[in-house]
Amino acid sequence: KGRKIVWAYWSHPSEWAPGGWDVAKCPNYYCEYAEHCGAEMLFSSEGSISTAFGNFMNDTEFENFAMDSDVMIYPSTGFIDIYNEKQAMLDNIKAVQNKQCL
């Protein structure tokens, strides 16, 4: 397979769910698109944070999951704010180190 892609969104704590990293769940359109392009979408339903929307990952789980990704897709605005808040952890992820965040 080609480049490894991690699709991830930081969900802030709210009255509906605790905070955590929501990552790609396949099958989904973005997984099919990545495969069509010869890339590998990293996906998981794992995570220690249980929500009504499925399991979310804490920072340590997400770091371990995403560490070797070549590209990170953050499907929302506000990545700079999340980066500033979680820089120490995010800087350990290959895609972030190489400035390959979309």
Protein backbone atom coordinates (compact mmCIF):
# COMPACT_ATOMS: atom_id res chain seq x y z
CA LYS A 1 0.00 0.00 0.00
CA GLY A 2 0.94 3.64 -0.41
CA ARG A 3 0.87 6.49 2.04
CA LYS A 4 -0.88 6.06 5.38
CA ILE A 5 -3.68 8.54 6.04
CA VAL A 6 -5.20 9.29 9.42
CA TRP A 7 -8.58 11.04 9.47
CA ALA A 8 -9.21 12.45 12.93
CA TYR A 9 -11.26 15.08 14.72
CA TRP A 10 -10.88 16.28 18.32
CA SER A 11 -14.31 16.39 19.91
CA HIS A 12 -14.42 18.82 22.82
CA PRO A 13 -16.25 17.70 25.96
CA SER A 14 -19.93 18.60 25.88
CA GLU A 15 -23.18 17.67 27.57
CA TRP A 16 -23.56 14.90 24.94
CA ALA A 17 -20.13 13.31 25.08
CA PRO A 18 -16.78 13.47 26.84
CA GLY A 19 -13.89 14.81 24.77
CA GLY A 20 -11.75 12.54 22.64
CA TRP A 21 -10.34 11.75 19.21
CA ASP A 22 -12.92 10.54 16.70
CA VAL A 23 -11.05 8.62 13.97
CA ALA A 24 -12.05 7.09 10.64
CA LYS A 25 -14.43 4.17 10.69
CA CYS A 26 -14.54 2.03 7.55
CA PRO A 27 -16.31 1.26 5.32
CA ASN A 28 -16.96 4.89 4.45
CA TYR A 29 -16.52 7.12 1.41
CA TYR A 30 -13.13 8.41 2.53
CA CYS A 31 -11.83 4.86 3.03
CA GLU A 32 -12.95 3.90 -0.47
CA TYR A 33 -11.39 7.06 -1.92
CA ALA A 34 -8.06 6.40 -0.17
CA GLU A 35 -8.02 2.82 -1.48
CA HIS A 36 -8.84 4.00 -5.00
CA CYS A 37 -5.83 6.36 -4.79
CA GLY A 38 -3.51 3.59 -3.58
CA ALA A 39 -3.32 4.91 -0.02
CA GLU A 40 -4.08 3.18 3.27
CA MET A 41 -6.71 4.79 5.49
CA LEU A 42 -5.99 4.08 9.14
CA PHE A 43 -9.29 3.26 10.81
CA SER A 44 -10.48 1.94 14.14
CA SER A 45 -13.54 1.49 16.29
CA GLU A 46 -11.29 1.15 19.35
CA GLY A 47 -10.95 3.72 22.09
CA SER A 48 -11.41 3.91 25.83
CA ILE A 49 -13.92 6.78 25.72
CA SER A 50 -17.44 5.51 25.13
CA THR A 51 -19.88 7.97 23.52
CA ALA A 52 -23.25 7.82 21.79
CA PHE A 53 -21.29 8.29 18.55
CA GLY A 54 -18.99 5.30 19.12
CA ASN A 55 -15.68 4.98 20.90
CA PHE A 56 -13.25 7.90 20.94
CA MET A 57 -9.53 7.71 21.71
CA ASN A 58 -7.71 9.58 24.43
CA ASP A 59 -4.48 11.42 23.54
CA THR A 60 -2.20 8.47 24.29
CA GLU A 61 -4.31 6.04 22.26
CA PHE A 62 -4.48 8.49 19.36
CA GLU A 63 -0.74 9.16 19.41
CA ASN A 64 -0.01 5.42 19.23
CA PHE A 65 -2.63 4.93 16.49
CA ALA A 66 -1.53 7.85 14.28
CA MET A 67 2.23 7.89 14.94
CA ASP A 68 3.30 6.48 11.55
CA SER A 69 0.75 8.30 9.38
CA ASP A 70 2.05 10.15 6.32
CA VAL A 71 -0.94 12.49 6.05
CA MET A 72 -3.40 13.75 8.67
CA ILE A 73 -6.85 14.94 7.62
CA TYR A 74 -8.59 17.14 10.20
CA PRO A 75 -12.13 17.52 8.81
CA SER A 76 -13.00 20.81 10.45
CA THR A 77 -11.74 24.28 11.18
CA GLY A 78 -9.71 24.99 14.28
CA PHE A 79 -6.76 22.62 13.81
CA ILE A 80 -4.34 25.39 14.85
CA ASP A 81 -6.16 25.74 18.18
CA ILE A 82 -6.06 21.97 18.74
CA TYR A 83 -2.40 21.90 17.72
CA ASN A 84 -1.56 24.68 20.19
CA GLU A 85 -3.42 22.80 22.95
CA LYS A 86 -1.93 19.37 22.17
CA GLN A 87 1.39 20.26 20.53
CA ALA A 88 3.56 17.99 22.69
CA MET A 89 1.53 14.93 21.66
CA LEU A 90 0.84 15.91 18.04
CA ASP A 91 4.50 16.65 17.35
CA ASN A 92 5.19 12.92 17.82
CA ILE A 93 3.05 12.07 14.77
CA LYS A 94 4.96 11.73 11.50
CA ALA A 95 2.37 13.63 9.42
CA VAL A 96 2.52 16.59 11.79
CA GLN A 97 6.33 16.55 11.88
CA ASN A 98 6.34 16.68 8.07
CA LYS A 99 3.61 19.36 7.95
CA GLN A 100 1.26 17.05 6.04
CA CYS A 101 -1.95 18.09 7.78
CA LEU A 102 -5.01 18.95 5.74
